[in-house]
């Protein structure tokens, strides 16, 4: 038999590659084991990181601008931290912007009007959206997806186009007035466009799906046997609704109300187009301060106050809700 000749160079080159493969696979296995042990923390950390980058970081930037002064520069505000010519670090913080907002009645009246419109719109969305969501839940398996599609269908078109469509409907020579005149209900057009009524119509129409979908998701999980049990015990349908159905749908009501109330408070496009500048809301004030007046510090202060107005009640509500959940 012939002898097999083994080259020493081949042995020396193969051994390090084998060791490298073994070390690489062990590192990957160790990494996978660590991920499996801490997968919960990793999953939770991803949305927290997202909030940190896209919510907290912009918030601190806006807060920093609100504590600055207006300056003829680009960007138009003074720096908070800077070095002087003598090499001294100076930190300049001013609260004049917040004092100006609190002393000027324009901002106070605008905040109150924005809250009034957003609260009323939220109530109207709940008043109209609750029976719609209840009807979708009680509908058959064939009609239910069709009805849900009709609720989601407006999102397939541009938000701006839908607002412009309402301008055509509500105008003095628009579709609604022409129809009412044609059937003899009115003799002359009703002025609806560029009024607070038109703003309510636009907000309720736009944010209605945000109320219906959380209510539907909550109602779908309800146990129908509870209503049947209440009826067997002699409870009337009205009493069953207020004593059984309504309390069980409270989470859906809260979720839908927040989804409508928060964006409606800072709405800009709808009051500007359907209100025509006659309905003053905080979103328009922010636009004027940032764009037309180029007063970024005051605009940032207005935004911070608006954020506090929206966040503080939510935090207080969640605090008492947590206490109620912990109570025996």
Foldseek 3Di string as FASTA:
>chain_A
DDDDDDDPVVVVVVVVVVVVVVVVVVVVVVVVVVCVVCVVVVVVVVVVVVCVVPPVVVLVVLVQLLQWAADPDVLGTDHQWDADPVRDIHGHGHNVLVVVLVVDVVNVVQLVLLLVLLVVLLVVLCVPQLVLLVVLLPDDPVVNVVSVCVLCVVVVDDLLVVLVVLCQCQPQPHDVQVVCCVVPVDVGGDRQFLASNQLSVSLNVVLSSLLNVLLNVQQNPDDPVQLVVCVVVPDDPVRCCVPPVVVSSVVSSVRSSLSSNLCSQLDDSSCVGRNVPVRRHLVVVLCCCVPVVSGSNSSSSSVVVSVCVSVVVVVVVVVVVVVVVPDD
